[in-house]
């Protein structure tokens, strides 16, 4: 029986459950992307879990949404994101490098890899 490309990727990344229609499964995530509007909360949750390192091949923290520096809040978030990236080995993409989903697709997208992102346009990566 032949499988679709999506089925092959899911089967290759299966880490929990049985690959059967209607069944819940867990898969290995190869890459993550976050952006500054949602990434701050995601990394605060990551740190609260007490994890020592990332478990992906590649993770990137993009600053491309809250770039206006009227008050201190955005700048503080950006400093925090940069410090988390440095601590955990996550690539940090500074403001001005481009929109996360497009930059990630162009620079890091790889056929057959899984990507989990905190940006609503992440599915543009395939």
PDB file of N, CA and C in Angstrom:
ATOM      1  N   UNK A   1       0.847  -1.190   0.000  1.00  0.00           N
ATOM      2  CA  UNK A   1       0.000   0.000   0.000  1.00  0.00           C
ATOM      3  C   UNK A   1       0.881   1.238   0.000  1.00  0.00           C
ATOM      4  N   UNK A   2       0.582   2.167  -0.873  1.00  0.00           N
ATOM      5  CA  UNK A   2       1.349   3.391  -0.936  1.00  0.00           C
ATOM      6  C   UNK A   2       0.832   4.422   0.054  1.00  0.00           C
ATOM      7  N   UNK A   3       1.737   5.228   0.539  1.00  0.00           N
ATOM      8  CA  UNK A   3       1.377   6.281   1.490  1.00  0.00           C
ATOM      9  C   UNK A   3       1.581   7.638   0.847  1.00  0.00           C
ATOM     10  N   UNK A   4       0.789   8.606   1.292  1.00  0.00           N
ATOM     11  CA  UNK A   4       0.997   9.973   0.832  1.00  0.00           C
ATOM     12  C   UNK A   4       2.280  10.496   1.483  1.00  0.00           C
ATOM     13  N   UNK A   5       2.775  11.598   0.982  1.00  0.00           N
ATOM     14  CA  UNK A   5       3.967  12.209   1.559  1.00  0.00           C
ATOM     15  C   UNK A   5       3.740  12.572   3.027  1.00  0.00           C
ATOM     16  N   UNK A   6       2.560  13.129   3.331  1.00  0.00           N
ATOM     17  CA  UNK A   6       2.243  13.479   4.716  1.00  0.00           C
ATOM     18  C   UNK A   6       2.265  12.246   5.605  1.00  0.00           C
ATOM     19  N   UNK A   7       1.672  11.163   5.146  1.00  0.00           N
ATOM     20  CA  UNK A   7       1.669   9.922   5.929  1.00  0.00           C
ATOM     21  C   UNK A   7       3.092   9.413   6.160  1.00  0.00           C
ATOM     22  N   UNK A   8       3.929   9.493   5.168  1.00  0.00           N
ATOM     23  CA  UNK A   8       5.328   9.050   5.318  1.00  0.00           C
ATOM     24  C   UNK A   8       6.063   9.885   6.370  1.00  0.00           C
ATOM     25  N   UNK A   9       5.874  11.195   6.316  1.00  0.00           N
ATOM     26  CA  UNK A   9       6.531  12.080   7.283  1.00  0.00           C
ATOM     27  C   UNK A   9       6.037  11.779   8.690  1.00  0.00           C
ATOM     28  N   UNK A  10       4.728  11.640   8.859  1.00  0.00           N
ATOM     29  CA  UNK A  10       4.176  11.332  10.180  1.00  0.00           C
ATOM     30  C   UNK A  10       4.675   9.978  10.680  1.00  0.00           C
ATOM     31  N   UNK A  11       4.699   8.972   9.834  1.00  0.00           N
ATOM     32  CA  UNK A  11       5.182   7.648  10.236  1.00  0.00           C
ATOM     33  C   UNK A  11       6.665   7.701  10.619  1.00  0.00           C
ATOM     34  N   UNK A  12       7.456   8.450   9.860  1.00  0.00           N
ATOM     35  CA  UNK A  12       8.892   8.567  10.142  1.00  0.00           C
ATOM     36  C   UNK A  12       9.169   9.306  11.447  1.00  0.00           C
ATOM     37  N   UNK A  13       8.246  10.157  11.874  1.00  0.00           N
ATOM     38  CA  UNK A  13       8.437  10.975  13.071  1.00  0.00           C
ATOM     39  C   UNK A  13       7.632  10.487  14.277  1.00  0.00           C
ATOM     40  N   UNK A  14       6.951   9.362  14.143  1.00  0.00           N
ATOM     41  CA  UNK A  14       6.093   8.834  15.199  1.00  0.00           C
ATOM     42  C   UNK A  14       6.910   8.447  16.434  1.00  0.00           C
ATOM     43  N   UNK A  15       6.530   8.974  17.596  1.00  0.00           N
ATOM     44  CA  UNK A  15       7.198   8.626  18.847  1.00  0.00           C
ATOM     45  C   UNK A  15       6.223   8.097  19.889  1.00  0.00           C
ATOM     46  N   UNK A  16       4.913   8.278  19.659  1.00  0.00           N
ATOM     47  CA  UNK A  16       3.928   7.823  20.634  1.00  0.00           C
ATOM     48  C   UNK A  16       2.617   7.500  19.928  1.00  0.00           C
ATOM     49  N   UNK A  17       2.014   6.382  20.291  1.00  0.00           N
ATOM     50  CA  UNK A  17       0.736   5.989  19.729  1.00  0.00           C
ATOM     51  C   UNK A  17       0.900   5.122  18.493  1.00  0.00           C
ATOM     52  N   UNK A  18      -0.229   4.744  17.957  1.00  0.00           N
ATOM     53  CA  UNK A  18      -0.277   3.918  16.745  1.00  0.00           C
ATOM     54  C   UNK A  18      -0.808   4.776  15.604  1.00  0.00           C
ATOM     55  N   UNK A  19      -0.165   4.672  14.454  1.00  0.00           N
ATOM     56  CA  UNK A  19      -0.624   5.447  13.306  1.00  0.00           C
ATOM     57  C   UNK A  19      -1.835   4.755  12.697  1.00  0.00           C
ATOM     58  N   UNK A  20      -3.020   5.120  13.202  1.00  0.00           N
ATOM     59  CA  UNK A  20      -4.283   4.589  12.707  1.00  0.00           C
ATOM     60  C   UNK A  20      -5.272   5.752  12.627  1.00  0.00           C
ATOM     61  N   UNK A  21      -6.139   5.756  11.626  1.00  0.00           N
ATOM     62  CA  UNK A  21      -7.125   6.838  11.511  1.00  0.00           C
ATOM     63  C   UNK A  21      -7.921   7.001  12.803  1.00  0.00           C
ATOM     64  N   UNK A  22      -8.031   8.232  13.264  1.00  0.00           N
ATOM     65  CA  UNK A  22      -8.784   8.553  14.466  1.00  0.00           C
ATOM     66  C   UNK A  22      -8.014   8.406  15.761  1.00  0.00           C
ATOM     67  N   UNK A  23      -6.782   7.917  15.696  1.00  0.00           N
ATOM     68  CA  UNK A  23      -5.975   7.724  16.907  1.00  0.00           C
ATOM     69  C   UNK A  23      -5.071   8.924  17.148  1.00  0.00           C
ATOM     70  N   UNK A  24      -4.898   9.253  18.408  1.00  0.00           N
ATOM     71  CA  UNK A  24      -3.991  10.333  18.782  1.00  0.00           C
ATOM     72  C   UNK A  24      -2.560   9.813  18.717  1.00  0.00           C
ATOM     73  N   UNK A  25      -1.673  10.640  18.177  1.00  0.00           N
ATOM     74  CA  UNK A  25      -0.261  10.262  18.085  1.00  0.00           C
ATOM     75  C   UNK A  25       0.625  11.412  18.577  1.00  0.00           C
ATOM     76  N   UNK A  26       1.844  11.088  18.881  1.00  0.00           N
ATOM     77  CA  UNK A  26       2.863  12.092  19.181  1.00  0.00           C
ATOM     78  C   UNK A  26       3.970  11.954  18.152  1.00  0.00           C
ATOM     79  N   UNK A  27       4.451  13.081  17.662  1.00  0.00           N
ATOM     80  CA  UNK A  27       5.522  13.043  16.665  1.00  0.00           C
ATOM     81  C   UNK A  27       6.723  13.856  17.135  1.00  0.00           C
ATOM     82  N   UNK A  28       7.887  13.513  16.594  1.00  0.00           N
ATOM     83  CA  UNK A  28       9.113  14.273  16.848  1.00  0.00           C
ATOM     84  C   UNK A  28       9.062  15.548  16.009  1.00  0.00           C
ATOM     85  N   UNK A  29       9.397  16.668  16.637  1.00  0.00           N
ATOM     86  CA  UNK A  29       9.445  17.949  15.941  1.00  0.00           C
ATOM     87  C   UNK A  29      10.905  18.262  15.633  1.00  0.00           C
ATOM     88  N   UNK A  30      11.205  18.510  14.367  1.00  0.00           N
ATOM     89  CA  UNK A  30      12.575  18.790  13.940  1.00  0.00           C
ATOM     90  C   UNK A  30      12.963  20.256  14.133  1.00  0.00           C
ATOM     91  N   UNK A  31      12.025  21.160  13.868  1.00  0.00           N
ATOM     92  CA  UNK A  31      12.320  22.585  13.926  1.00  0.00           C
ATOM     93  C   UNK A  31      11.186  23.338  14.626  1.00  0.00           C
ATOM     94  N   UNK A  32      11.549  24.437  15.287  1.00  0.00           N
ATOM     95  CA  UNK A  32      10.535  25.345  15.825  1.00  0.00           C
ATOM     96  C   UNK A  32      10.874  26.764  15.399  1.00  0.00           C
ATOM     97  N   UNK A  33       9.823  27.566  15.304  1.00  0.00           N
ATOM     98  CA  UNK A  33      10.021  28.998  15.120  1.00  0.00           C
ATOM     99  C   UNK A  33       9.069  29.720  16.042  1.00  0.00           C
ATOM    100  N   UNK A  34       9.549  30.791  16.613  1.00  0.00           N
ATOM    101  CA  UNK A  34       8.717  31.672  17.430  1.00  0.00           C
ATOM    102  C   UNK A  34       8.917  33.087  16.920  1.00  0.00           C
ATOM    103  N   UNK A  35       7.937  33.934  17.241  1.00  0.00           N
ATOM    104  CA  UNK A  35       8.088  35.350  16.932  1.00  0.00           C
ATOM    105  C   UNK A  35       7.803  36.116  18.213  1.00  0.00           C
ATOM    106  N   UNK A  36       8.176  37.373  18.214  1.00  0.00           N
ATOM    107  CA  UNK A  36       8.177  38.135  19.459  1.00  0.00           C
ATOM    108  C   UNK A  36       6.804  38.402  20.060  1.00  0.00           C
ATOM    109  N   UNK A  37       5.737  38.328  19.291  1.00  0.00           N
ATOM    110  CA  UNK A  37       4.408  38.560  19.854  1.00  0.00           C
ATOM    111  C   UNK A  37       3.936  37.361  20.687  1.00  0.00           C
ATOM    112  N   UNK A  38       4.336  36.154  20.305  1.00  0.00           N
ATOM    113  CA  UNK A  38       3.922  34.949  21.022  1.00  0.00           C
ATOM    114  C   UNK A  38       5.101  34.193  21.638  1.00  0.00           C
ATOM    115  N   UNK A  39       6.283  34.461  21.169  1.00  0.00           N
ATOM    116  CA  UNK A  39       7.464  33.735  21.634  1.00  0.00           C
ATOM    117  C   UNK A  39       7.816  33.975  23.083  1.00  0.00           C
ATOM    118  N   UNK A  40       7.573  35.191  23.570  1.00  0.00           N
ATOM    119  CA  UNK A  40       7.901  35.492  24.965  1.00  0.00           C
ATOM    120  C   UNK A  40       7.172  34.532  25.896  1.00  0.00           C
ATOM    121  N   UNK A  41       5.872  34.374  25.710  1.00  0.00           N
ATOM    122  CA  UNK A  41       5.098  33.454  26.551  1.00  0.00           C
ATOM    123  C   UNK A  41       5.537  32.009  26.337  1.00  0.00           C
ATOM    124  N   UNK A  42       5.834  31.637  25.108  1.00  0.00           N
ATOM    125  CA  UNK A  42       6.269  30.266  24.835  1.00  0.00           C
ATOM    126  C   UNK A  42       7.566  29.957  25.576  1.00  0.00           C
ATOM    127  N   UNK A  43       8.518  30.888  25.565  1.00  0.00           N
ATOM    128  CA  UNK A  43       9.797  30.639  26.237  1.00  0.00           C
ATOM    129  C   UNK A  43       9.678  30.718  27.756  1.00  0.00           C
ATOM    130  N   UNK A  44       8.770  31.534  28.267  1.00  0.00           N
ATOM    131  CA  UNK A  44       8.520  31.537  29.707  1.00  0.00           C
ATOM    132  C   UNK A  44       7.979  30.171  30.142  1.00  0.00           C
ATOM    133  N   UNK A  45       7.095  29.609  29.350  1.00  0.00           N
ATOM    134  CA  UNK A  45       6.568  28.269  29.649  1.00  0.00           C
ATOM    135  C   UNK A  45       7.671  27.218  29.537  1.00  0.00           C
ATOM    136  N   UNK A  46       8.503  27.328  28.513  1.00  0.00           N
ATOM    137  CA  UNK A  46       9.629  26.405  28.321  1.00  0.00           C
ATOM    138  C   UNK A  46      10.535  26.419  29.551  1.00  0.00           C
ATOM    139  N   UNK A  47      10.882  27.618  30.010  1.00  0.00           N
ATOM    140  CA  UNK A  47      11.743  27.732  31.181  1.00  0.00           C
ATOM    141  C   UNK A  47      11.067  27.183  32.437  1.00  0.00           C
ATOM    142  N   UNK A  48       9.751  27.394  32.577  1.00  0.00           N
ATOM    143  CA  UNK A  48       9.046  26.915  33.769  1.00  0.00           C
ATOM    144  C   UNK A  48       9.019  25.394  33.833  1.00  0.00           C
ATOM    145  N   UNK A  49       9.204  24.734  32.706  1.00  0.00           N
ATOM    146  CA  UNK A  49       9.236  23.272  32.678  1.00  0.00           C
ATOM    147  C   UNK A  49      10.568  22.728  33.200  1.00  0.00           C
ATOM    148  N   UNK A  50      11.555  23.600  33.368  1.00  0.00           N
ATOM    149  CA  UNK A  50      12.837  23.183  33.907  1.00  0.00           C
ATOM    150  C   UNK A  50      13.718  22.417  32.935  1.00  0.00           C
ATOM    151  N   UNK A  51      13.459  22.567  31.649  1.00  0.00           N
ATOM    152  CA  UNK A  51      14.268  21.867  30.659  1.00  0.00           C
ATOM    153  C   UNK A  51      15.637  22.516  30.530  1.00  0.00           C
ATOM    154  N   UNK A  52      16.639  21.692  30.315  1.00  0.00           N
ATOM    155  CA  UNK A  52      18.016  22.183  30.222  1.00  0.00           C
ATOM    156  C   UNK A  52      18.414  22.592  28.810  1.00  0.00           C
ATOM    157  N   UNK A  53      17.752  22.004  27.802  1.00  0.00           N
ATOM    158  CA  UNK A  53      18.128  22.315  26.422  1.00  0.00           C
ATOM    159  C   UNK A  53      16.958  22.027  25.489  1.00  0.00           C
ATOM    160  N   UNK A  54      17.078  22.518  24.278  1.00  0.00           N
ATOM    161  CA  UNK A  54      16.064  22.236  23.270  1.00  0.00           C
ATOM    162  C   UNK A  54      16.283  20.820  22.753  1.00  0.00           C
ATOM    163  N   UNK A  55      15.233  20.226  22.214  1.00  0.00           N
ATOM    164  CA  UNK A  55      15.324  18.858  21.712  1.00  0.00           C
ATOM    165  C   UNK A  55      15.069  18.809  20.209  1.00  0.00           C
ATOM    166  N   UNK A  56      15.316  19.905  19.538  1.00  0.00           N
ATOM    167  CA  UNK A  56      15.092  19.987  18.094  1.00  0.00           C
ATOM    168  C   UNK A  56      16.427  20.098  17.366  1.00  0.00           C
ATOM    169  N   UNK A  57      16.382  19.842  16.081  1.00  0.00           N
ATOM    170  CA  UNK A  57      17.566  20.054  15.254  1.00  0.00           C
ATOM    171  C   UNK A  57      17.841  21.544  15.100  1.00  0.00           C
ATOM    172  N   UNK A  58      16.758  22.335  15.075  1.00  0.00           N
ATOM    173  CA  UNK A  58      16.874  23.766  14.820  1.00  0.00           C
ATOM    174  C   UNK A  58      15.696  24.493  15.435  1.00  0.00           C
ATOM    175  N   UNK A  59      15.974  25.558  16.161  1.00  0.00           N
ATOM    176  CA  UNK A  59      14.943  26.444  16.675  1.00  0.00           C
ATOM    177  C   UNK A  59      15.388  27.880  16.435  1.00  0.00           C
ATOM    178  N   UNK A  60      14.434  28.713  16.010  1.00  0.00           N
ATOM    179  CA  UNK A  60      14.745  30.110  15.698  1.00  0.00           C
ATOM    180  C   UNK A  60      13.730  31.015  16.385  1.00  0.00           C
ATOM    181  N   UNK A  61      14.232  32.071  17.019  1.00  0.00           N
ATOM    182  CA  UNK A  61      13.409  33.097  17.652  1.00  0.00           C
ATOM    183  C   UNK A  61      13.498  34.358  16.796  1.00  0.00           C
ATOM    184  N   UNK A  62      12.389  34.722  16.181  1.00  0.00           N
ATOM    185  CA  UNK A  62      12.351  35.883  15.289  1.00  0.00           C
ATOM    186  C   UNK A  62      11.755  37.097  16.002  1.00  0.00           C
ATOM    187  N   UNK A  63      12.308  38.268  15.724  1.00  0.00           N
ATOM    188  CA  UNK A  63      11.725  39.527  16.185  1.00  0.00           C
ATOM    189  C   UNK A  63      11.257  40.253  14.925  1.00  0.00           C
ATOM    190  N   UNK A  64       9.933  40.175  14.695  1.00  0.00           N
ATOM    191  CA  UNK A  64       9.406  40.765  13.469  1.00  0.00           C
ATOM    192  C   UNK A  64       7.996  41.328  13.620  1.00  0.00           C
ATOM    193  N   UNK A  65       7.422  41.271  14.813  1.00  0.00           N
ATOM    194  CA  UNK A  65       6.049  41.742  14.997  1.00  0.00           C
ATOM    195  C   UNK A  65       5.980  43.029  15.823  1.00  0.00           C
ATOM    196  N   UNK A  66       6.504  42.988  17.024  1.00  0.00           N
ATOM    197  CA  UNK A  66       6.439  44.137  17.943  1.00  0.00           C
ATOM    198  C   UNK A  66       7.744  44.932  17.893  1.00  0.00           C
ATOM    199  N   UNK A  67       7.973  45.573  16.780  1.00  0.00           N
ATOM    200  CA  UNK A  67       9.253  46.255  16.587  1.00  0.00           C
ATOM    201  C   UNK A  67       9.233  47.734  16.954  1.00  0.00           C
ATOM    202  N   UNK A  68       8.062  48.307  17.184  1.00  0.00           N
ATOM    203  CA  UNK A  68       7.995  49.725  17.564  1.00  0.00           C
ATOM    204  C   UNK A  68       8.430  49.860  19.016  1.00  0.00           C
ATOM    205  N   UNK A  69       9.348  50.775  19.273  1.00  0.00           N
ATOM    206  CA  UNK A  69       9.913  50.937  20.617  1.00  0.00           C
ATOM    207  C   UNK A  69       9.416  52.243  21.259  1.00  0.00           C
ATOM    208  N   UNK A  70       8.100  52.347  21.482  1.00  0.00           N
ATOM    209  CA  UNK A  70       7.532  53.536  22.113  1.00  0.00           C
ATOM    210  C   UNK A  70       7.793  53.511  23.610  1.00  0.00           C
ATOM    211  N   UNK A  71       7.564  52.374  24.228  1.00  0.00           N
ATOM    212  CA  UNK A  71       7.802  52.193  25.660  1.00  0.00           C
ATOM    213  C   UNK A  71       8.926  51.187  25.857  1.00  0.00           C
ATOM    214  N   UNK A  72       9.060  50.727  27.074  1.00  0.00           N
ATOM    215  CA  UNK A  72      10.133  49.789  27.396  1.00  0.00           C
ATOM    216  C   UNK A  72       9.721  48.325  27.172  1.00  0.00           C
ATOM    217  N   UNK A  73       8.420  48.067  27.047  1.00  0.00           N
ATOM    218  CA  UNK A  73       7.925  46.681  27.028  1.00  0.00           C
ATOM    219  C   UNK A  73       8.495  45.848  25.882  1.00  0.00           C
ATOM    220  N   UNK A  74       8.428  46.353  24.664  1.00  0.00           N
ATOM    221  CA  UNK A  74       8.937  45.580  23.530  1.00  0.00           C
ATOM    222  C   UNK A  74      10.436  45.362  23.629  1.00  0.00           C
ATOM    223  N   UNK A  75      11.154  46.401  24.007  1.00  0.00           N
ATOM    224  CA  UNK A  75      12.608  46.274  24.140  1.00  0.00           C
ATOM    225  C   UNK A  75      12.964  45.240  25.206  1.00  0.00           C
ATOM    226  N   UNK A  76      12.227  45.249  26.326  1.00  0.00           N
ATOM    227  CA  UNK A  76      12.467  44.254  27.372  1.00  0.00           C
ATOM    228  C   UNK A  76      12.202  42.841  26.865  1.00  0.00           C
ATOM    229  N   UNK A  77      11.104  42.674  26.137  1.00  0.00           N
ATOM    230  CA  UNK A  77      10.796  41.360  25.561  1.00  0.00           C
ATOM    231  C   UNK A  77      11.907  40.905  24.628  1.00  0.00           C
ATOM    232  N   UNK A  78      12.400  41.804  23.807  1.00  0.00           N
ATOM    233  CA  UNK A  78      13.444  41.446  22.846  1.00  0.00           C
ATOM    234  C   UNK A  78      14.737  41.053  23.548  1.00  0.00           C
ATOM    235  N   UNK A  79      15.080  41.756  24.613  1.00  0.00           N
ATOM    236  CA  UNK A  79      16.274  41.376  25.391  1.00  0.00           C
ATOM    237  C   UNK A  79      16.089  40.001  26.018  1.00  0.00           C
ATOM    238  N   UNK A  80      14.905  39.754  26.540  1.00  0.00           N
ATOM    239  CA  UNK A  80      14.611  38.442  27.118  1.00  0.00           C
ATOM    240  C   UNK A  80      14.735  37.351  26.051  1.00  0.00           C
ATOM    241  N   UNK A  81      14.131  37.553  24.888  1.00  0.00           N
ATOM    242  CA  UNK A  81      14.193  36.558  23.818  1.00  0.00           C
ATOM    243  C   UNK A  81      15.631  36.286  23.404  1.00  0.00           C
ATOM    244  N   UNK A  82      16.441  37.335  23.332  1.00  0.00           N
ATOM    245  CA  UNK A  82      17.839  37.156  22.962  1.00  0.00           C
ATOM    246  C   UNK A  82      18.586  36.356  24.030  1.00  0.00           C
ATOM    247  N   UNK A  83      18.297  36.605  25.298  1.00  0.00           N
ATOM    248  CA  UNK A  83      18.977  35.877  26.370  1.00  0.00           C
ATOM    249  C   UNK A  83      18.564  34.406  26.393  1.00  0.00           C
ATOM    250  N   UNK A  84      17.289  34.126  26.146  1.00  0.00           N
ATOM    251  CA  UNK A  84      16.824  32.736  26.084  1.00  0.00           C
ATOM    252  C   UNK A  84      17.484  32.015  24.917  1.00  0.00           C
ATOM    253  N   UNK A  85      17.536  32.690  23.785  1.00  0.00           N
ATOM    254  CA  UNK A  85      18.163  32.085  22.612  1.00  0.00           C
ATOM    255  C   UNK A  85      19.620  31.734  22.898  1.00  0.00           C
ATOM    256  N   UNK A  86      20.331  32.643  23.512  1.00  0.00           N
ATOM    257  CA  UNK A  86      21.736  32.401  23.835  1.00  0.00           C
ATOM    258  C   UNK A  86      21.887  31.241  24.818  1.00  0.00           C
ATOM    259  N   UNK A  87      21.033  31.211  25.819  1.00  0.00           N
ATOM    260  CA  UNK A  87      21.119  30.170  26.854  1.00  0.00           C
ATOM    261  C   UNK A  87      20.852  28.773  26.305  1.00  0.00           C
ATOM    262  N   UNK A  88      19.876  28.643  25.408  1.00  0.00           N
ATOM    263  CA  UNK A  88      19.448  27.322  24.944  1.00  0.00           C
ATOM    264  C   UNK A  88      19.949  26.936  23.552  1.00  0.00           C
ATOM    265  N   UNK A  89      20.733  27.761  22.916  1.00  0.00           N
ATOM    266  CA  UNK A  89      21.244  27.415  21.590  1.00  0.00           C
ATOM    267  C   UNK A  89      20.233  27.611  20.478  1.00  0.00           C
ATOM    268  N   UNK A  90      19.367  28.585  20.658  1.00  0.00           N
ATOM    269  CA  UNK A  90      18.347  28.919  19.670  1.00  0.00           C
ATOM    270  C   UNK A  90      18.881  30.076  18.825  1.00  0.00           C
ATOM    271  N   UNK A  91      18.685  30.008  17.522  1.00  0.00           N
ATOM    272  CA  UNK A  91      19.086  31.129  16.677  1.00  0.00           C
ATOM    273  C   UNK A  91      18.191  32.321  16.974  1.00  0.00           C
ATOM    274  N   UNK A  92      18.789  33.507  17.029  1.00  0.00           N
ATOM    275  CA  UNK A  92      18.046  34.740  17.286  1.00  0.00           C
ATOM    276  C   UNK A  92      18.085  35.599  16.032  1.00  0.00           C
ATOM    277  N   UNK A  93      16.918  35.913  15.500  1.00  0.00           N
ATOM    278  CA  UNK A  93      16.807  36.739  14.301  1.00  0.00           C
ATOM    279  C   UNK A  93      16.339  38.129  14.713  1.00  0.00           C
ATOM    280  N   UNK A  94      17.224  39.100  14.588  1.00  0.00           N
ATOM    281  CA  UNK A  94      16.947  40.474  15.023  1.00  0.00           C
ATOM    282  C   UNK A  94      15.903  41.164  14.157  1.00  0.00           C
ATOM    283  N   UNK A  95      15.351  42.261  14.672  1.00  0.00           N
ATOM    284  CA  UNK A  95      14.404  43.047  13.868  1.00  0.00           C
ATOM    285  C   UNK A  95      15.060  43.475  12.554  1.00  0.00           C
ATOM    286  N   UNK A  96      14.289  43.431  11.493  1.00  0.00           N
ATOM    287  CA  UNK A  96      14.788  43.854  10.193  1.00  0.00           C
ATOM    288  C   UNK A  96      15.247  42.711   9.313  1.00  0.00           C
ATOM    289  N   UNK A  97      15.350  41.502   9.857  1.00  0.00           N
ATOM    290  CA  UNK A  97      15.793  40.358   9.057  1.00  0.00           C
ATOM    291  C   UNK A  97      14.693  39.807   8.159  1.00  0.00           C
ATOM    292  N   UNK A  98      13.449  40.170   8.425  1.00  0.00           N
ATOM    293  CA  UNK A  98      12.345  39.697   7.602  1.00  0.00           C
ATOM    294  C   UNK A  98      11.267  39.043   8.435  1.00  0.00           C
ATOM    295  N   UNK A  99      10.180  38.690   7.770  1.00  0.00           N
ATOM    296  CA  UNK A  99       9.025  38.069   8.406  1.00  0.00           C
ATOM    297  C   UNK A  99       9.317  36.588   8.639  1.00  0.00           C
ATOM    298  N   UNK A 100       9.067  36.146   9.862  1.00  0.00           N
ATOM    299  CA  UNK A 100       9.507  34.821  10.312  1.00  0.00           C
ATOM    300  C   UNK A 100       9.117  33.679   9.381  1.00  0.00           C
ATOM    301  N   UNK A 101       7.858  33.589   8.998  1.00  0.00           N
ATOM    302  CA  UNK A 101       7.448  32.421   8.212  1.00  0.00           C
ATOM    303  C   UNK A 101       8.113  32.404   6.832  1.00  0.00           C
ATOM    304  N   UNK A 102       8.330  33.554   6.241  1.00  0.00           N
ATOM    305  CA  UNK A 102       8.974  33.591   4.930  1.00  0.00           C
ATOM    306  C   UNK A 102      10.479  33.348   5.041  1.00  0.00           C
ATOM    307  N   UNK A 103      11.114  33.991   6.003  1.00  0.00           N
ATOM    308  CA  UNK A 103      12.558  33.797   6.196  1.00  0.00           C
ATOM    309  C   UNK A 103      12.848  32.339   6.541  1.00  0.00           C
ATOM    310  N   UNK A 104      12.024  31.765   7.414  1.00  0.00           N
ATOM    311  CA  UNK A 104      12.258  30.373   7.806  1.00  0.00           C
ATOM    312  C   UNK A 104      12.120  29.439   6.604  1.00  0.00           C
ATOM    313  N   UNK A 105      11.096  29.647   5.821  1.00  0.00           N
ATOM    314  CA  UNK A 105      10.889  28.843   4.613  1.00  0.00           C
ATOM    315  C   UNK A 105      12.102  28.929   3.685  1.00  0.00           C
ATOM    316  N   UNK A 106      12.594  30.135   3.446  1.00  0.00           N
ATOM    317  CA  UNK A 106      13.692  30.343   2.508  1.00  0.00           C
ATOM    318  C   UNK A 106      15.035  29.842   3.027  1.00  0.00           C
ATOM    319  N   UNK A 107      15.292  29.996   4.313  1.00  0.00           N
ATOM    320  CA  UNK A 107      16.620  29.673   4.846  1.00  0.00           C
ATOM    321  C   UNK A 107      16.724  28.314   5.509  1.00  0.00           C
ATOM    322  N   UNK A 108      15.634  27.825   6.091  1.00  0.00           N
ATOM    323  CA  UNK A 108      15.738  26.610   6.897  1.00  0.00           C
ATOM    324  C   UNK A 108      14.784  25.494   6.490  1.00  0.00           C
ATOM    325  N   UNK A 109      13.822  25.779   5.627  1.00  0.00           N
ATOM    326  CA  UNK A 109      12.861  24.758   5.226  1.00  0.00           C
ATOM    327  C   UNK A 109      13.551  23.571   4.564  1.00  0.00           C
ATOM    328  N   UNK A 110      13.175  22.370   4.984  1.00  0.00           N
ATOM    329  CA  UNK A 110      13.747  21.144   4.436  1.00  0.00           C
ATOM    330  C   UNK A 110      12.632  20.138   4.184  1.00  0.00           C
ATOM    331  N   UNK A 111      12.568  19.575   3.001  1.00  0.00           N
ATOM    332  CA  UNK A 111      11.544  18.561   2.729  1.00  0.00           C
ATOM    333  C   UNK A 111      11.644  17.406   3.729  1.00  0.00           C
ATOM    334  N   UNK A 112      10.494  16.972   4.210  1.00  0.00           N
ATOM    335  CA  UNK A 112      10.446  15.840   5.124  1.00  0.00           C
ATOM    336  C   UNK A 112      10.650  16.173   6.587  1.00  0.00           C
ATOM    337  N   UNK A 113      10.943  17.426   6.900  1.00  0.00           N
ATOM    338  CA  UNK A 113      11.139  17.853   8.294  1.00  0.00           C
ATOM    339  C   UNK A 113       9.828  18.377   8.864  1.00  0.00           C
ATOM    340  N   UNK A 114       9.668  18.230  10.172  1.00  0.00           N
ATOM    341  CA  UNK A 114       8.494  18.785  10.837  1.00  0.00           C
ATOM    342  C   UNK A 114       8.859  20.140  11.424  1.00  0.00           C
ATOM    343  N   UNK A 115       7.873  21.039  11.420  1.00  0.00           N
ATOM    344  CA  UNK A 115       8.063  22.398  11.925  1.00  0.00           C
ATOM    345  C   UNK A 115       6.873  22.769  12.788  1.00  0.00           C
ATOM    346  N   UNK A 116       7.152  23.239  13.990  1.00  0.00           N
ATOM    347  CA  UNK A 116       6.115  23.747  14.885  1.00  0.00           C
ATOM    348  C   UNK A 116       6.427  25.215  15.115  1.00  0.00           C
ATOM    349  N   UNK A 117       5.444  26.080  14.856  1.00  0.00           N
ATOM    350  CA  UNK A 117       5.690  27.504  14.992  1.00  0.00           C
ATOM    351  C   UNK A 117       4.585  28.217  15.739  1.00  0.00           C
ATOM    352  N   UNK A 118       4.963  29.333  16.366  1.00  0.00           N
ATOM    353  CA  UNK A 118       3.980  30.123  17.115  1.00  0.00           C
ATOM    354  C   UNK A 118       3.435  31.278  16.288  1.00  0.00           C
ATOM    355  N   UNK A 119       3.639  31.247  14.996  1.00  0.00           N
ATOM    356  CA  UNK A 119       3.097  32.276  14.109  1.00  0.00           C
ATOM    357  C   UNK A 119       1.970  31.654  13.299  1.00  0.00           C
ATOM    358  N   UNK A 120       0.885  32.383  13.123  1.00  0.00           N
ATOM    359  CA  UNK A 120      -0.283  31.843  12.422  1.00  0.00           C
ATOM    360  C   UNK A 120       0.010  31.481  10.962  1.00  0.00           C
ATOM    361  N   UNK A 121       1.084  32.016  10.400  1.00  0.00           N
ATOM    362  CA  UNK A 121       1.411  31.715   9.011  1.00  0.00           C
ATOM    363  C   UNK A 121       2.448  30.603   8.871  1.00  0.00           C
ATOM    364  N   UNK A 122       2.782  29.934   9.951  1.00  0.00           N
ATOM    365  CA  UNK A 122       3.771  28.856   9.903  1.00  0.00           C
ATOM    366  C   UNK A 122       3.458  27.806   8.835  1.00  0.00           C
ATOM    367  N   UNK A 123       2.183  27.455   8.567  1.00  0.00           N
ATOM    368  CA  UNK A 123       1.905  26.449   7.552  1.00  0.00           C
ATOM    369  C   UNK A 123       2.420  26.796   6.151  1.00  0.00           C
ATOM    370  N   UNK A 124       2.830  28.040   5.904  1.00  0.00           N
ATOM    371  CA  UNK A 124       3.406  28.353   4.590  1.00  0.00           C
ATOM    372  C   UNK A 124       4.692  27.566   4.352  1.00  0.00           C
ATOM    373  N   UNK A 125       5.282  27.030   5.436  1.00  0.00           N
ATOM    374  CA  UNK A 125       6.489  26.204   5.314  1.00  0.00           C
ATOM    375  C   UNK A 125       6.199  24.803   4.802  1.00  0.00           C
ATOM    376  N   UNK A 126       4.951  24.467   4.579  1.00  0.00           N
ATOM    377  CA  UNK A 126       4.611  23.155   4.045  1.00  0.00           C
ATOM    378  C   UNK A 126       3.985  22.260   5.076  1.00  0.00           C
TER     379      UNK A 126
END
